[in-house]
C-alpha cells in the first residue's frame, strides 16, 4: 500500500497510514494536551474542557469559545468527556461545569480530585447528575468504559514525586474505528511506573506524548520502550515554544507529528491511499 499526500483543507490535515488501520479516525487538537478523538458519530474528548490560558500554557482561540460554551461545532456530540488530572491546563472547573450542562448527553469519567474541584463550581449538578462518574483505576485493575462503538481503558500513571505524588493522573487508551489512541496526561518519566501500568503490553497505533519526553534525558528511552507507536504526536507545547520545538523535533524526531494550533486535526484514513 502506498500513501498519497492529499491537499490541506483549512485546518484539516489528512494523513493516510500504511500500517493496516481499518477505519477513519480523526484527532482534533484543543488547548495543551486536549484532544477530541472521533470515528463516525462517536466522539471522545480528553482534557478538553480548557478555555483560558494558564501560566505558560495555551487556550482555545476566541472564535471557538462560543462553540465550547454551547457544545456546538467542534464540541457537538461529545459522548465521553475524560480528564487525566486536576491541573488547570488540563481541566478548568468553571468551564467544565458549563460544558457538561450545555452538552446534555456527554458522560464524564474522571477522578475524585477533578470531581471535587468541579463540585465547588456546580455542586448540585455534580452531586445529582447520573452523567458524572467518579472512577478509581488501580495498577493491575484498570477501569474499562464500554460505550457503543468505543472502548476506553483507564489506568493510573504517576504524576511524579513530592508535591506531585498525591495527584491522581490517569492514562487513557481509546479504541475506536479499529485504531487505538493513547493519552498519558502528565505522566512522570518513570520506567518503573510505566511498567507497572502495563504499557509495555498494550497495542497502541497513535500515541499522544507530552513534548518534554522528546527532550534529552530519560523521556527518550520511555518513548522507545513504551510509547513507540506507528504514529506519535507531540502535545502540551506552550504556544511561545512552538517554533523552537518544531525546529528541534524536525532534526531529532522528524517522524513525530506536531499539530501547531488548537483545532488543527489529523485524519487517519486508509481510503486516502493510492491503488497498488
Protein backbone atom coordinates (compact mmCIF):
# COMPACT_ATOMS: atom_id res chain seq x y z
CA UNK A 1 0.00 0.00 0.00
CA UNK A 2 1.37 3.39 -0.99
CA UNK A 3 0.49 6.67 0.72
CA UNK A 4 -0.88 9.67 -1.11
CA UNK A 5 -0.28 13.22 0.07
CA UNK A 6 -3.75 14.84 0.00
CA UNK A 7 -4.39 18.59 -0.11
CA UNK A 8 -4.63 20.63 3.07
CA UNK A 9 -8.19 21.89 3.59
CA UNK A 10 -8.45 24.79 6.05
CA UNK A 11 -7.12 23.42 9.36
CA UNK A 12 -7.73 19.82 8.34
CA UNK A 13 -4.60 17.76 7.86
CA UNK A 14 -5.33 14.40 6.23
CA UNK A 15 -2.92 11.55 6.74
CA UNK A 16 -3.02 8.08 5.27
CA UNK A 17 -1.30 5.46 7.41
CA UNK A 18 0.19 2.46 5.66
CA UNK A 19 0.04 0.27 8.76
CA UNK A 20 -3.22 -1.63 8.37
CA UNK A 21 -5.55 0.66 10.30
CA UNK A 22 -9.12 -0.10 9.32
CA UNK A 23 -11.29 2.99 9.67
CA UNK A 24 -11.35 6.77 9.54
CA UNK A 25 -10.40 8.27 12.90
CA UNK A 26 -9.89 12.00 13.42
CA UNK A 27 -7.87 13.61 16.21
CA UNK A 28 -8.58 17.30 16.77
CA UNK A 29 -6.18 19.22 18.96
CA UNK A 30 -7.66 21.58 21.55
CA UNK A 31 -5.61 23.51 24.12
CA UNK A 32 -2.45 21.98 25.59
CA UNK A 33 -2.99 18.19 25.87
CA UNK A 34 -6.68 18.43 25.00
CA UNK A 35 -8.00 16.39 22.09
CA UNK A 36 -11.21 15.15 20.54
CA UNK A 37 -10.96 11.66 19.06
CA UNK A 38 -13.78 10.75 16.68
CA UNK A 39 -14.87 7.99 14.34
CA UNK A 40 -18.21 8.28 12.57
CA UNK A 41 -20.74 9.63 15.08
CA UNK A 42 -18.69 8.63 18.15
CA UNK A 43 -16.68 11.37 19.85
CA UNK A 44 -14.38 11.23 22.89
CA UNK A 45 -12.82 14.33 24.46
CA UNK A 46 -9.78 14.11 26.75
CA UNK A 47 -8.54 17.11 28.78
CA UNK A 48 -10.60 19.33 26.51
CA UNK A 49 -12.56 21.48 28.96
CA UNK A 50 -9.94 24.24 28.92
CA UNK A 51 -10.79 27.72 27.61
CA UNK A 52 -8.45 30.27 29.18
CA UNK A 53 -4.64 30.43 29.14
CA UNK A 54 -2.94 29.28 32.31
CA UNK A 55 0.68 30.04 33.22
CA UNK A 56 2.71 29.41 30.02
CA UNK A 57 0.02 27.18 28.55
CA UNK A 58 -2.49 27.89 25.84
CA UNK A 59 -6.21 28.39 25.37
CA UNK A 60 -8.93 27.98 22.80
CA UNK A 61 -8.97 30.59 20.02
CA UNK A 62 -11.63 33.25 20.67
CA UNK A 63 -13.82 32.12 17.78
CA UNK A 64 -14.13 28.64 19.31
CA UNK A 65 -15.22 29.77 22.80
CA UNK A 66 -18.93 30.27 21.92
CA UNK A 67 -18.92 26.80 20.34
CA UNK A 68 -17.48 25.34 23.51
CA UNK A 69 -19.91 27.17 25.78
CA UNK A 70 -22.89 25.94 23.75
CA UNK A 71 -21.49 22.49 22.86
CA UNK A 72 -21.67 23.26 19.13
CA UNK A 73 -19.46 22.69 16.06
CA UNK A 74 -16.19 21.11 17.20
CA UNK A 75 -17.72 20.43 20.62
CA UNK A 76 -21.05 18.99 19.49
CA UNK A 77 -21.99 15.39 20.09
CA UNK A 78 -19.27 14.55 22.62
CA UNK A 79 -20.15 11.12 24.01
CA UNK A 80 -17.41 10.83 26.64
CA UNK A 81 -15.50 13.60 28.45
CA UNK A 82 -12.39 12.25 30.15
CA UNK A 83 -9.97 14.19 32.36
CA UNK A 84 -6.49 12.94 33.20
CA UNK A 85 -5.99 15.05 36.33
CA UNK A 86 -6.90 18.20 38.18
CA UNK A 87 -4.31 20.69 36.92
CA UNK A 88 -5.74 23.84 35.42
CA UNK A 89 -4.19 23.49 31.96
CA UNK A 90 -5.95 20.10 31.67
CA UNK A 91 -9.33 20.94 33.20
CA UNK A 92 -10.84 24.26 34.24
CA UNK A 93 -13.70 23.57 36.66
CA UNK A 94 -15.86 26.60 35.81
CA UNK A 95 -15.76 25.87 32.11
CA UNK A 96 -16.08 22.13 32.65
CA UNK A 97 -19.28 22.69 34.62
CA UNK A 98 -20.68 24.91 31.89
CA UNK A 99 -19.85 22.43 29.16
CA UNK A 100 -21.30 19.44 30.96
CA UNK A 101 -24.57 21.28 31.50
CA UNK A 102 -24.71 22.54 27.89
CA UNK A 103 -23.85 19.15 26.37
CA UNK A 104 -26.78 17.17 27.67
CA UNK A 105 -25.69 13.70 26.57
CA UNK A 106 -21.99 13.77 27.49
CA UNK A 107 -20.83 11.29 30.15
CA UNK A 108 -17.96 12.45 32.37
CA UNK A 109 -15.47 9.92 33.75
CA UNK A 110 -12.67 11.17 35.98
CA UNK A 111 -11.05 11.12 39.41
CA UNK A 112 -12.38 12.19 42.78
CA UNK A 113 -9.91 15.10 42.73
CA UNK A 114 -11.27 16.53 39.48
CA UNK A 115 -14.87 16.00 40.56
CA UNK A 116 -14.14 17.67 43.90
CA UNK A 117 -12.90 20.85 42.19
CA UNK A 118 -15.86 20.89 39.81
CA UNK A 119 -18.24 20.40 42.72
CA UNK A 120 -17.04 23.73 44.13
CA UNK A 121 -18.40 25.42 40.97
CA UNK A 122 -21.62 23.46 40.28
CA UNK A 123 -22.41 21.40 43.35
CA UNK A 124 -25.99 20.45 42.55
CA UNK A 125 -25.16 19.22 39.06
CA UNK A 126 -22.08 17.29 40.13
CA UNK A 127 -23.84 15.60 43.04
CA UNK A 128 -27.09 14.70 41.27
CA UNK A 129 -26.30 14.11 37.60
CA UNK A 130 -26.23 10.45 36.51
CA UNK A 131 -23.75 11.51 33.81
CA UNK A 132 -20.94 12.14 36.32
CA UNK A 133 -18.85 9.06 37.09
CA UNK A 134 -16.08 9.03 39.70
CA UNK A 135 -13.58 6.29 38.90
CA UNK A 136 -10.53 4.94 40.71
CA UNK A 137 -8.47 2.64 38.46
CA UNK A 138 -5.63 0.74 40.09
CA UNK A 139 -2.41 -0.83 38.86
CA UNK A 140 -3.37 -4.24 37.57
CA UNK A 141 -7.05 -3.32 37.74
CA UNK A 142 -7.80 -0.66 35.09
CA UNK A 143 -11.26 0.83 34.72
CA UNK A 144 -12.87 -0.07 31.39
CA UNK A 145 -15.56 2.10 29.79
CA UNK A 146 -17.55 0.08 27.27
CA UNK A 147 -19.59 2.50 25.21
CA UNK A 148 -21.26 1.98 21.82
CA UNK A 149 -18.51 1.95 19.17
CA UNK A 150 -15.71 2.79 21.63
CA UNK A 151 -13.80 1.14 24.45
CA UNK A 152 -11.66 3.17 26.85
CA UNK A 153 -9.20 1.59 29.27
CA UNK A 154 -8.28 3.96 32.10
CA UNK A 155 -5.22 3.26 34.25
CA UNK A 156 -3.12 5.16 36.78
CA UNK A 157 0.17 6.80 35.84
CA UNK A 158 2.22 8.65 38.42
CA UNK A 159 2.42 12.42 38.09
CA UNK A 160 5.70 12.44 39.98
CA UNK A 161 7.15 12.68 43.47
CA UNK A 162 7.00 15.14 46.38
CA UNK A 163 4.18 17.65 45.79
CA UNK A 164 3.01 15.74 42.73
CA UNK A 165 2.89 12.32 44.36
CA UNK A 166 -0.72 12.63 45.56
CA UNK A 167 -2.14 13.87 42.27
CA UNK A 168 -4.33 11.29 40.57
CA UNK A 169 -3.18 11.14 36.95
CA UNK A 170 -4.87 8.79 34.51
CA UNK A 171 -3.76 7.35 31.21
CA UNK A 172 -6.44 6.58 28.62
CA UNK A 173 -6.31 4.02 25.83
CA UNK A 174 -9.15 4.79 23.42
CA UNK A 175 -10.10 2.07 20.92
CA UNK A 176 -12.47 3.10 18.16
CA UNK A 177 -12.73 2.66 14.41
CA UNK A 178 -10.09 -0.06 14.53
CA UNK A 179 -7.49 2.37 15.94
CA UNK A 180 -6.06 2.57 19.46
CA UNK A 181 -5.04 6.03 20.70
CA UNK A 182 -3.03 6.50 23.90
CA UNK A 183 -3.15 9.66 26.04
CA UNK A 184 -0.93 9.71 29.16
CA UNK A 185 -1.89 13.01 30.79
CA UNK A 186 1.08 14.42 32.69
CA UNK A 187 2.81 11.11 33.37
CA UNK A 188 6.13 11.23 35.18
CA UNK A 189 9.19 9.95 33.33
CA UNK A 190 9.41 6.76 35.38
CA UNK A 191 10.10 3.44 33.61
CA UNK A 192 9.08 1.54 36.72
CA UNK A 193 5.70 3.25 36.73
CA UNK A 194 5.14 2.69 33.01
CA UNK A 195 5.97 -0.98 33.52
CA UNK A 196 3.65 -1.17 36.49
CA UNK A 197 0.85 0.37 34.41
CA UNK A 198 1.31 -2.36 31.80
CA UNK A 199 2.16 -0.01 28.94
CA UNK A 200 4.72 -2.40 27.52
CA UNK A 201 1.93 -4.89 26.80
CA UNK A 202 -0.64 -2.57 25.22
CA UNK A 203 -1.17 -2.28 21.47
CA UNK A 204 -1.04 1.39 20.51
CA UNK A 205 -1.46 2.79 16.99
CA UNK A 206 -1.29 6.50 17.88
CA UNK A 207 0.50 7.87 20.96
CA UNK A 208 -0.13 11.43 22.19
CA UNK A 209 3.08 12.25 24.04
CA UNK A 210 3.97 15.40 26.03
CA UNK A 211 6.74 17.14 24.10
CA UNK A 212 9.11 17.10 27.10
CA UNK A 213 9.52 13.34 26.60
CA UNK A 214 11.44 14.12 23.42
CA UNK A 215 13.97 16.39 25.10
CA UNK A 216 17.37 14.91 26.03
CA UNK A 217 17.02 12.82 29.17
CA UNK A 218 15.00 9.83 30.38
CA UNK A 219 11.94 10.57 28.25
CA UNK A 220 13.54 9.33 25.02
CA UNK A 221 14.10 5.86 26.47
CA UNK A 222 10.49 5.75 27.69
CA UNK A 223 9.29 6.61 24.19
CA UNK A 224 11.40 3.82 22.76
CA UNK A 225 10.31 1.21 25.30
CA UNK A 226 6.68 2.07 25.96
CA UNK A 227 5.36 4.67 23.51
CA UNK A 228 6.84 3.63 20.17
CA UNK A 229 3.54 3.63 18.25
CA UNK A 230 3.45 3.78 14.42
CA UNK A 231 2.23 7.37 14.76
CA UNK A 232 3.44 9.68 17.52
CA UNK A 233 2.08 13.19 18.10
CA UNK A 234 3.84 15.64 20.43
CA UNK A 235 1.36 17.56 22.60
CA UNK A 236 1.24 20.00 25.51
CA UNK A 237 3.58 22.52 23.88
CA UNK A 238 3.40 26.07 25.32
CA UNK A 239 2.42 28.45 22.48
CA UNK A 240 5.55 30.58 22.88
CA UNK A 241 7.73 27.50 22.40
CA UNK A 242 6.09 26.00 19.31
CA UNK A 243 8.64 27.30 16.79
CA UNK A 244 11.62 26.19 18.88
CA UNK A 245 10.06 22.78 19.49
CA UNK A 246 9.31 22.38 15.77
CA UNK A 247 12.91 23.14 14.86
CA UNK A 248 14.30 20.73 17.44
CA UNK A 249 11.86 17.95 16.56
CA UNK A 250 12.47 18.31 12.81
CA UNK A 251 16.11 17.41 13.44
CA UNK A 252 15.87 14.95 16.32
CA UNK A 253 12.47 13.29 15.67
CA UNK A 254 11.42 14.09 12.10
CA UNK A 255 8.71 11.41 12.04
CA UNK A 256 6.87 12.77 15.10
CA UNK A 257 3.88 14.95 14.20
CA UNK A 258 3.12 18.33 15.76
CA UNK A 259 -0.32 19.93 15.46
CA UNK A 260 0.65 23.55 15.85
CA UNK A 261 -2.62 25.27 16.72
CA UNK A 262 -5.85 24.47 18.56
CA UNK A 263 -8.42 23.00 16.16
CA UNK A 264 -5.73 21.57 13.87
CA UNK A 265 -6.63 17.97 13.17
CA UNK A 266 -5.32 14.87 11.54
CA UNK A 267 -7.33 12.06 9.99
CA UNK A 268 -6.14 8.51 9.72
CA UNK A 269 -7.77 7.00 6.66
CA UNK A 270 -6.74 4.02 4.52
CA UNK A 271 -9.18 5.29 1.88
CA UNK A 272 -6.67 8.04 1.04
CA UNK A 273 -4.08 5.60 -0.25
CA UNK A 274 -3.47 5.17 -3.93
CA UNK A 275 -4.20 1.82 -5.59
CA UNK A 276 -1.25 -0.60 -5.99
